[in-house]
Amino acid sequence: MSPKQRLGYMLALIIAGEAVFALPFHIARFFRPTMLEVFDLSATELGAAQGVYGVVAMIAYFPGGPLADRYPAHKLMALSLWSTAAGGLYMATFPGLTGSMLMFGFFGITTILLFWAALIRATRDWGGADAQGRAYGLLDGGRGFLAAGLLSIGAAVFTFAFPDGYAAASMSDKASALRSVIYGYTAFTAVAGIYIWFALQGLEAASDAHHSERRKAIWGHIIPVLRLPTVWLHAVIVVCAYVGYKGIDNYSLFAVQGYGLDEVEAAQLLTIAAWVRPFAAFGAGYLGDRIDITRAILICFCLLLTADLLFAVTTPISGAFLIMLSNVVLTCIAVYGLRGLYFAIFEEVKLSPLMTGTAVGIVSVIGYTPDIFVTLVAGVLIDANPGLEGHQHFFWFLASFALLGIVATALLRRVNNVQAPNHTPATMETN
């Protein structure tokens, strides 16, 4: 593949990889207080609705792996994007609790079953044997640039919608502003589907023979992959990192209830923090290729534990925007660094490339279970302990998973060092 083709391939993966998750995640993460008002939901109810996404996604991850190894990525990804955009049209009607549960369940099918494993497998192919950190760092960093750009536009629309301030706005004004943001994300998702259909279609032709080889023994990979202790430890690492990532969903509400910021300031805070993602992912990816992936992951988990404990034990100063921003930035460096690294573990533990789709499915089934419980736990803790206390309980919860991530990564390094002589691609292919 020529450098120009490699650039085009990665650009397509970046656009698809962020566009497909914009509607299910961006609205609830960056505009959470307004979403709760307009959708007439409590924090617990929104957590339950997003938990439906997690349940459906968990079921979809496993069959999504073999599916990605069998069908062309451009068809799966385009269909996923167009289906998700259709769900955005329904989101703009502001469904209540039951409708929101159905909507998030639908998103679980469109974004995972048809999409996720194909994206990760294609990225590993792009990185080859020596640039896995760079590949996943570029993917998540590029997605971060795109997410920050989309959020900046959305936050600007949101800010301009309230010239007299958010507190003076009517419910109708709030609904109109949020609907405009949802429509913008919906249009981008649909257009991204058209782009992916054509951008990946031509590039896949060069690797048809490789994909044909993959299809011969897809289901025969499941048992050998399940027998690998590194796969199970990898899944625990993804769980812990993803708990930290899902914790960011609560930051806008924490900014309002803990630090006394208004909803517009909270959206601006998260916009600034979102710009950390590309630099953290790029930096972590390059660092991982230099010092090894799991060592870089350990550093990120230590930073995440520090940030969570600071929020858990300190008393906020009302209106202290810069203090909160500093710790949010530290959190984002750690979380987005982890996201730019954890799928590069496949190459470090010498998993056969032919088994990537299946391994992605298995790791993801376990690794993304936080989609089921994190927002629900946050909602329960905050509703049961209104104000700062509930948020601090939630940060203790996040800190416990950061500590578990440190332990799991250290164990993976030990297991991989012991098994390294037998853990080659050639050996894996004979199983």
Protein backbone atom coordinates (compact mmCIF):
# COMPACT_ATOMS: atom_id res chain seq x y z
CA MET A 1 0.00 0.00 0.00
CA SER A 2 1.44 3.39 -1.00
CA PRO A 3 1.84 6.22 1.56
CA LYS A 4 -1.05 8.04 -0.08
CA GLN A 5 -3.28 4.98 0.23
CA ARG A 6 -2.24 4.47 3.87
CA LEU A 7 -3.13 8.08 4.65
CA GLY A 8 -6.51 7.75 2.92
CA TYR A 9 -7.24 4.49 4.73
CA MET A 10 -6.46 5.95 8.16
CA LEU A 11 -8.44 9.13 7.45
CA ALA A 12 -11.47 7.03 6.55
CA LEU A 13 -11.12 4.97 9.73
CA ILE A 14 -10.84 8.12 11.84
CA ILE A 15 -13.95 9.72 10.34
CA ALA A 16 -16.00 6.54 10.65
CA GLY A 17 -14.66 5.75 14.12
CA GLU A 18 -15.84 9.03 15.61
CA ALA A 19 -18.96 9.75 13.57
CA VAL A 20 -20.64 6.48 14.52
CA PHE A 21 -20.38 7.17 18.28
CA ALA A 22 -21.24 10.89 18.20
CA LEU A 23 -24.99 10.53 18.68
CA PRO A 24 -24.96 7.77 21.32
CA PHE A 25 -22.25 9.44 23.44
CA HIS A 26 -21.60 13.11 22.68
CA ILE A 27 -25.07 14.40 23.49
CA ALA A 28 -25.30 12.68 26.88
CA ARG A 29 -21.67 13.46 27.76
CA PHE A 30 -21.30 17.10 26.77
CA PHE A 31 -24.87 18.38 27.13
CA ARG A 32 -26.00 16.14 29.99
CA PRO A 33 -27.74 18.69 32.26
CA THR A 34 -29.84 20.01 29.36
CA MET A 35 -30.58 16.52 28.10
CA LEU A 36 -31.92 15.55 31.53
CA GLU A 37 -34.21 18.61 31.50
CA VAL A 38 -35.48 18.33 27.95
CA PHE A 39 -35.92 14.54 27.96
CA ASP A 40 -37.52 14.81 31.44
CA LEU A 41 -35.21 12.15 32.91
CA SER A 42 -33.45 11.78 36.24
CA ALA A 43 -29.75 10.90 36.35
CA THR A 44 -30.69 7.35 37.35
CA GLU A 45 -33.16 7.01 34.45
CA LEU A 46 -30.63 8.24 31.90
CA GLY A 47 -28.10 5.82 33.38
CA ALA A 48 -30.62 2.98 32.99
CA ALA A 49 -31.29 3.96 29.37
CA GLN A 50 -27.59 4.04 28.58
CA GLY A 51 -27.27 0.73 30.41
CA VAL A 52 -29.53 -0.80 27.75
CA TYR A 53 -26.93 0.27 25.19
CA GLY A 54 -24.30 -1.58 27.21
CA VAL A 55 -26.35 -4.78 27.45
CA VAL A 56 -27.09 -4.85 23.72
CA ALA A 57 -23.50 -3.93 22.89
CA MET A 58 -22.14 -6.71 25.10
CA ILE A 59 -24.26 -9.23 23.21
CA ALA A 60 -23.27 -7.71 19.84
CA TYR A 61 -19.50 -7.59 20.38
CA PHE A 62 -18.96 -11.33 20.13
CA PRO A 63 -20.75 -12.07 16.81
CA GLY A 64 -19.41 -8.78 15.51
CA GLY A 65 -15.86 -10.21 15.53
CA PRO A 66 -16.42 -13.09 13.09
CA LEU A 67 -18.77 -10.87 11.07
CA ALA A 68 -15.97 -8.34 10.60
CA ASP A 69 -13.60 -11.09 9.45
CA ARG A 70 -16.09 -12.22 6.83
CA TYR A 71 -17.59 -9.11 5.18
CA PRO A 72 -15.99 -6.00 3.61
CA ALA A 73 -15.41 -3.18 6.07
CA HIS A 74 -16.84 -0.48 3.81
CA LYS A 75 -20.24 -2.20 3.67
CA LEU A 76 -20.44 -2.86 7.41
CA MET A 77 -19.26 0.63 8.39
CA ALA A 78 -21.47 2.52 5.94
CA LEU A 79 -24.58 0.57 6.96
CA SER A 80 -23.69 1.23 10.61
CA LEU A 81 -23.37 4.99 10.05
CA TRP A 82 -26.61 5.32 8.09
CA SER A 83 -28.55 3.29 10.66
CA THR A 84 -27.13 5.37 13.51
CA ALA A 85 -28.10 8.59 11.69
CA ALA A 86 -31.67 7.28 11.46
CA GLY A 87 -31.60 6.86 15.23
CA GLY A 88 -30.54 10.50 15.52
CA LEU A 89 -33.78 11.61 13.86
CA TYR A 90 -35.68 9.77 16.58
CA MET A 91 -33.45 11.28 19.30
CA ALA A 92 -34.47 14.76 18.13
CA THR A 93 -38.07 13.98 19.16
CA PHE A 94 -36.88 13.86 22.82
CA PRO A 95 -38.36 10.49 23.78
CA GLY A 96 -39.07 9.77 27.44
CA LEU A 97 -37.65 6.92 29.48
CA THR A 98 -39.09 4.02 27.46
CA GLY A 99 -38.26 5.63 24.14
CA SER A 100 -34.74 6.45 25.31
CA MET A 101 -34.17 2.83 26.33
CA LEU A 102 -35.28 1.64 22.89
CA MET A 103 -33.13 4.28 21.21
CA PHE A 104 -29.96 3.37 23.10
CA GLY A 105 -30.63 -0.33 22.49
CA PHE A 106 -30.89 0.40 18.76
CA PHE A 107 -27.59 2.32 18.89
CA GLY A 108 -26.00 -0.73 20.55
CA ILE A 109 -26.77 -2.78 17.45
CA THR A 110 -25.82 -0.19 14.84
CA THR A 111 -22.52 0.90 16.41
CA ILE A 112 -21.20 -2.45 17.64
CA LEU A 113 -22.51 -5.46 15.71
CA LEU A 114 -21.82 -3.89 12.33
CA PHE A 115 -18.84 -1.73 13.16
CA TRP A 116 -16.48 -2.14 16.08
CA ALA A 117 -14.44 -5.27 15.30
CA ALA A 118 -14.04 -4.20 11.67
CA LEU A 119 -12.53 -0.90 12.82
CA ILE A 120 -10.04 -2.48 15.25
CA ARG A 121 -9.01 -5.25 12.84
CA ALA A 122 -8.41 -2.76 10.03
CA THR A 123 -6.33 -0.55 12.33
CA ARG A 124 -4.12 -3.45 13.39
CA ASP A 125 -3.56 -4.31 9.72
CA TRP A 126 -2.55 -0.70 9.09
CA GLY A 127 0.02 -0.70 11.92
CA GLY A 128 1.86 -3.89 10.99
CA ALA A 129 4.36 -5.44 13.40
CA ASP A 130 6.27 -2.32 14.45
CA ALA A 131 3.79 0.56 14.67
CA GLN A 132 0.83 -0.68 16.68
CA GLY A 133 1.04 2.15 19.21
CA ARG A 134 1.24 4.64 16.36
CA ALA A 135 -1.71 3.04 14.56
CA TYR A 136 -4.09 3.11 17.51
CA GLY A 137 -2.70 6.44 18.68
CA LEU A 138 -3.41 7.94 15.26
CA LEU A 139 -6.88 6.42 15.21
CA ASP A 140 -7.92 7.68 18.63
CA GLY A 141 -5.99 10.93 18.30
CA GLY A 142 -7.59 11.62 14.94
CA ARG A 143 -10.98 10.76 16.38
CA GLY A 144 -10.17 13.17 19.20
CA PHE A 145 -9.47 16.04 16.79
CA LEU A 146 -12.72 15.30 15.01
CA ALA A 147 -14.70 15.00 18.27
CA ALA A 148 -13.26 18.25 19.61
CA GLY A 149 -14.09 20.04 16.37
CA LEU A 150 -17.65 18.74 16.37
CA LEU A 151 -18.07 19.61 20.04
CA SER A 152 -16.67 23.11 19.51
CA ILE A 153 -19.29 23.72 16.84
CA GLY A 154 -22.03 22.21 19.00
CA ALA A 155 -20.99 24.21 22.07
CA ALA A 156 -20.91 27.41 19.97
CA VAL A 157 -24.43 26.75 18.69
CA PHE A 158 -25.47 26.06 22.27
CA THR A 159 -23.87 29.24 23.60
CA PHE A 160 -25.29 31.52 20.90
CA ALA A 161 -28.76 30.11 21.54
CA PHE A 162 -28.78 31.80 24.98
CA PRO A 163 -27.69 35.44 24.51
CA ASP A 164 -29.21 36.36 27.89
CA GLY A 165 -27.63 33.43 29.70
CA TYR A 166 -28.75 29.86 30.27
CA ALA A 167 -30.59 30.65 33.51
CA ALA A 168 -32.94 33.04 31.70
CA ALA A 169 -33.77 30.59 28.89
CA SER A 170 -37.17 28.95 28.61
CA MET A 171 -37.62 25.22 28.24
CA SER A 172 -38.58 25.82 24.60
CA ASP A 173 -35.28 27.64 23.98
CA LYS A 174 -33.33 24.82 25.59
CA ALA A 175 -35.16 22.20 23.53
CA SER A 176 -34.58 24.13 20.31
CA ALA A 177 -30.85 24.49 21.01
CA LEU A 178 -30.40 20.82 21.86
CA ARG A 179 -32.40 19.74 18.79
CA SER A 180 -30.12 21.83 16.57
CA VAL A 181 -27.08 20.09 18.02
CA ILE A 182 -28.65 16.64 17.50
CA TYR A 183 -29.55 17.44 13.88
CA GLY A 184 -26.00 18.60 13.23
CA TYR A 185 -24.54 15.34 14.54
CA THR A 186 -27.13 13.36 12.57
CA ALA A 187 -26.23 15.05 9.28
CA PHE A 188 -22.51 14.50 9.85
CA THR A 189 -23.06 10.81 10.60
CA ALA A 190 -25.09 10.26 7.42
CA VAL A 191 -22.56 12.06 5.21
CA ALA A 192 -19.71 10.09 6.82
CA GLY A 193 -21.46 6.89 5.73
CA ILE A 194 -21.37 8.04 2.10
CA TYR A 195 -17.68 8.93 2.36
CA ILE A 196 -16.71 5.62 3.97
CA TRP A 197 -18.54 3.61 1.31
CA PHE A 198 -16.33 5.03 -1.43
CA ALA A 199 -13.10 5.69 0.50
CA LEU A 200 -12.67 2.17 1.83
CA GLN A 201 -14.10 0.35 -1.19
CA GLY A 202 -11.12 1.02 -3.43
CA LEU A 203 -8.53 0.45 -0.72
CA GLU A 204 -9.92 -2.96 0.25
CA ALA A 205 -9.36 -4.39 -3.20
CA ALA A 206 -5.61 -4.67 -2.53
CA SER A 207 -6.15 -6.96 0.46
CA ASP A 208 -8.88 -9.26 -0.90
CA ALA A 209 -6.57 -12.28 -0.86
CA HIS A 210 -5.67 -11.65 2.76
CA HIS A 211 -9.33 -11.40 3.72
CA SER A 212 -10.11 -14.61 1.83
CA GLU A 213 -7.49 -16.40 3.94
CA ARG A 214 -9.15 -15.01 7.08
CA ARG A 215 -12.57 -16.38 6.13
CA LYS A 216 -11.45 -20.02 5.93
CA ALA A 217 -11.29 -20.73 9.66
CA ILE A 218 -13.13 -17.96 11.46
CA TRP A 219 -15.05 -20.07 13.97
CA GLY A 220 -12.04 -22.30 14.65
CA HIS A 221 -10.29 -19.36 16.34
CA ILE A 222 -12.71 -19.01 19.25
CA ILE A 223 -11.48 -21.81 21.55
CA PRO A 224 -7.74 -21.09 21.09
CA VAL A 225 -8.31 -17.40 21.86
CA LEU A 226 -10.39 -18.21 24.94
CA ARG A 227 -7.54 -20.34 26.29
CA LEU A 228 -5.09 -17.43 26.37
CA PRO A 229 -4.64 -15.83 29.84
CA THR A 230 -3.33 -12.70 28.14
CA VAL A 231 -6.71 -12.21 26.46
CA TRP A 232 -8.52 -12.30 29.82
CA LEU A 233 -6.08 -9.87 31.43
CA HIS A 234 -6.35 -7.67 28.33
CA ALA A 235 -10.12 -7.61 28.85
CA VAL A 236 -9.72 -6.51 32.49
CA ILE A 237 -7.40 -3.69 31.40
CA VAL A 238 -9.99 -2.49 28.89
CA VAL A 239 -12.72 -2.65 31.59
CA CYS A 240 -10.68 -0.47 33.93
CA ALA A 241 -9.69 2.03 31.25
CA TYR A 242 -13.25 2.22 29.95
CA VAL A 243 -14.66 2.86 33.42
CA GLY A 244 -12.41 5.94 33.52
CA TYR A 245 -13.58 6.98 30.08
CA LYS A 246 -17.26 6.57 31.00
CA GLY A 247 -16.63 8.61 34.14
CA ILE A 248 -16.07 11.66 31.93
CA ASP A 249 -19.79 11.51 31.06
CA ASN A 250 -20.50 12.82 34.57
CA TYR A 251 -18.09 15.75 34.50
CA SER A 252 -20.49 18.34 33.11
CA LEU A 253 -23.00 17.53 35.88
CA PHE A 254 -20.18 17.58 38.47
CA ALA A 255 -19.10 21.00 37.20
CA VAL A 256 -22.62 22.35 37.77
CA GLN A 257 -23.42 20.64 41.10
CA GLY A 258 -19.92 20.50 42.59
CA TYR A 259 -18.17 23.64 41.34
CA GLY A 260 -21.17 25.90 40.81
CA LEU A 261 -20.62 26.44 37.08
CA ASP A 262 -23.62 26.97 34.83
CA GLU A 263 -24.54 24.63 31.98
CA VAL A 264 -22.87 26.73 29.28
CA GLU A 265 -19.62 26.94 31.29
CA ALA A 266 -19.77 23.17 31.82
CA ALA A 267 -20.08 22.59 28.07
CA GLN A 268 -17.13 24.94 27.50
CA LEU A 269 -15.09 23.07 30.12
CA LEU A 270 -15.68 19.75 28.37
CA THR A 271 -14.89 21.34 25.01
CA ILE A 272 -11.47 22.41 26.27
CA ALA A 273 -10.89 18.98 27.80
CA ALA A 274 -11.89 17.28 24.54
CA TRP A 275 -8.95 18.93 22.79
CA VAL A 276 -6.63 17.02 25.14
CA ARG A 277 -7.68 13.72 23.55
CA PRO A 278 -5.76 13.88 20.25
CA PHE A 279 -2.52 14.98 21.87
CA ALA A 280 -2.82 12.38 24.65
CA ALA A 281 -3.58 9.56 22.21
CA PHE A 282 -0.81 10.56 19.78
CA GLY A 283 1.70 10.96 22.58
CA ALA A 284 0.78 7.69 24.30
CA GLY A 285 0.91 5.79 21.02
CA TYR A 286 4.42 7.00 20.18
CA LEU A 287 5.54 6.47 23.79
CA GLY A 288 4.19 2.91 23.70
CA ASP A 289 6.20 2.08 20.57
CA ARG A 290 9.35 3.35 22.30
CA ILE A 291 9.11 1.92 25.82
CA ASP A 292 6.57 -0.90 25.14
CA ILE A 293 2.78 -0.72 25.27
CA THR A 294 2.06 -2.14 28.72
CA ARG A 295 4.64 0.08 30.44
CA ALA A 296 2.96 3.14 28.91
CA ILE A 297 -0.42 1.79 30.05
CA LEU A 298 0.88 1.53 33.64
CA ILE A 299 1.90 5.19 33.55
CA CYS A 300 -1.57 6.21 32.33
CA PHE A 301 -3.34 4.22 35.06
CA CYS A 302 -1.17 5.87 37.74
CA LEU A 303 -2.11 9.33 36.41
CA LEU A 304 -5.80 8.33 36.34
CA LEU A 305 -5.70 7.08 39.94
CA THR A 306 -4.13 10.39 41.04
CA ALA A 307 -6.79 12.47 39.27
CA ASP A 308 -9.71 10.42 40.63
CA LEU A 309 -8.40 10.62 44.20
CA LEU A 310 -7.97 14.39 43.95
CA PHE A 311 -11.66 14.81 43.05
CA ALA A 312 -12.69 12.24 45.69
CA VAL A 313 -10.99 13.89 48.67
CA THR A 314 -10.89 17.63 47.92
CA THR A 315 -13.63 20.16 48.57
CA PRO A 316 -14.45 22.19 45.45
CA ILE A 317 -14.21 25.99 45.47
CA SER A 318 -17.39 27.34 43.91
CA GLY A 319 -16.74 28.80 40.47
CA ALA A 320 -13.09 27.65 40.44
CA PHE A 321 -13.08 26.91 36.74
CA LEU A 322 -9.29 26.65 36.37
CA ILE A 323 -8.88 24.26 39.30
CA MET A 324 -11.44 21.86 37.92
CA LEU A 325 -10.09 22.24 34.40
CA SER A 326 -6.57 21.28 35.53
CA ASN A 327 -7.70 18.00 37.04
CA VAL A 328 -10.06 17.24 34.15
CA VAL A 329 -7.12 17.72 31.77
CA LEU A 330 -5.02 15.30 33.85
CA THR A 331 -7.88 12.78 33.74
CA CYS A 332 -8.20 13.17 29.97
CA ILE A 333 -4.46 12.70 29.42
CA ALA A 334 -4.68 9.38 31.26
CA VAL A 335 -7.98 8.16 29.82
CA TYR A 336 -7.30 9.07 26.20
CA GLY A 337 -3.76 7.79 26.49
CA LEU A 338 -5.21 4.43 27.54
CA ARG A 339 -7.66 4.47 24.63
CA GLY A 340 -4.77 5.08 22.25
CA LEU A 341 -2.88 2.08 23.64
CA TYR A 342 -4.98 -0.80 24.87
CA PHE A 343 -5.73 -2.51 21.56
CA ALA A 344 -2.03 -2.38 20.66
CA ILE A 345 -1.63 -5.11 23.32
CA PHE A 346 -2.59 -7.67 20.65
CA GLU A 347 0.74 -7.18 18.91
CA GLU A 348 2.78 -7.04 22.13
CA VAL A 349 1.45 -10.46 23.20
CA LYS A 350 2.01 -11.80 19.66
CA LEU A 351 -1.59 -12.72 18.90
CA SER A 352 -1.93 -14.03 15.34
CA PRO A 353 -3.33 -11.39 12.96
CA LEU A 354 -5.75 -14.03 11.64
CA MET A 355 -7.40 -14.12 15.07
CA THR A 356 -7.72 -10.38 15.57
CA GLY A 357 -11.45 -10.10 14.81
CA THR A 358 -12.34 -12.95 17.16
CA ALA A 359 -10.06 -11.62 19.92
CA VAL A 360 -11.53 -8.12 19.56
CA GLY A 361 -15.00 -9.60 19.99
CA ILE A 362 -14.05 -11.53 23.14
CA VAL A 363 -12.07 -8.70 24.75
CA SER A 364 -14.82 -6.22 23.92
CA VAL A 365 -17.63 -8.36 25.33
CA ILE A 366 -15.94 -8.07 28.72
CA GLY A 367 -14.05 -4.82 28.27
CA TYR A 368 -17.02 -2.64 27.40
CA THR A 369 -19.38 -3.86 30.13
CA PRO A 370 -18.95 -0.42 31.79
CA ASP A 371 -21.46 0.79 29.20
CA ILE A 372 -23.99 -1.16 31.28
CA PHE A 373 -23.19 -0.04 34.79
CA VAL A 374 -21.06 3.13 35.07
CA THR A 375 -23.70 5.75 34.26
CA LEU A 376 -26.24 3.79 36.29
CA VAL A 377 -23.89 3.68 39.32
CA ALA A 378 -23.24 7.40 38.92
CA GLY A 379 -26.97 8.15 38.76
CA VAL A 380 -27.76 6.04 41.83
CA LEU A 381 -24.92 7.52 43.91
CA ILE A 382 -25.74 11.11 42.94
CA ASP A 383 -29.51 10.77 43.36
CA ALA A 384 -29.08 9.03 46.74
CA ASN A 385 -26.54 11.60 47.97
CA PRO A 386 -27.44 14.94 46.37
CA GLY A 387 -24.71 17.48 45.83
CA LEU A 388 -20.98 17.06 46.33
CA GLU A 389 -21.14 13.91 48.48
CA GLY A 390 -22.67 11.77 45.72
CA HIS A 391 -20.05 12.90 43.22
CA GLN A 392 -17.22 12.13 45.65
CA HIS A 393 -18.60 8.63 46.18
CA PHE A 394 -18.53 8.22 42.41
CA PHE A 395 -14.88 9.31 42.20
CA TRP A 396 -13.95 6.70 44.84
CA PHE A 397 -15.67 4.17 42.59
CA LEU A 398 -13.59 5.36 39.60
CA ALA A 399 -10.37 5.28 41.63
CA SER A 400 -10.91 1.63 42.59
CA PHE A 401 -10.97 0.64 38.92
CA ALA A 402 -7.84 2.67 38.17
CA LEU A 403 -6.06 0.71 40.91
CA LEU A 404 -7.36 -2.59 39.50
CA GLY A 405 -6.03 -1.52 36.09
CA ILE A 406 -2.54 -1.10 37.56
CA VAL A 407 -2.69 -4.62 39.04
CA ALA A 408 -4.02 -6.22 35.83
CA THR A 409 -1.38 -4.55 33.67
CA ALA A 410 1.42 -5.67 35.98
CA LEU A 411 0.08 -9.25 35.84
CA LEU A 412 -0.17 -9.13 32.05
CA ARG A 413 3.47 -8.06 31.80
CA ARG A 414 4.50 -11.00 34.00
CA VAL A 415 2.37 -13.56 32.12
CA ASN A 416 3.53 -12.29 28.75
CA ASN A 417 7.20 -12.47 29.78
CA VAL A 418 6.74 -16.09 30.85
CA GLN A 419 4.84 -17.11 27.71
CA ALA A 420 6.75 -14.98 25.19
CA PRO A 421 8.81 -17.84 23.71
CA ASN A 422 5.63 -19.79 22.83
CA HIS A 423 3.40 -16.87 21.92
CA THR A 424 4.37 -16.30 18.30
CA PRO A 425 2.03 -15.79 15.35
CA ALA A 426 3.24 -19.01 13.78
CA THR A 427 2.41 -21.02 16.89
CA MET A 428 -0.99 -19.41 17.16
CA GLU A 429 -1.90 -20.30 13.59
CA THR A 430 -1.38 -24.02 14.22
CA ASN A 431 -3.93 -24.16 17.03
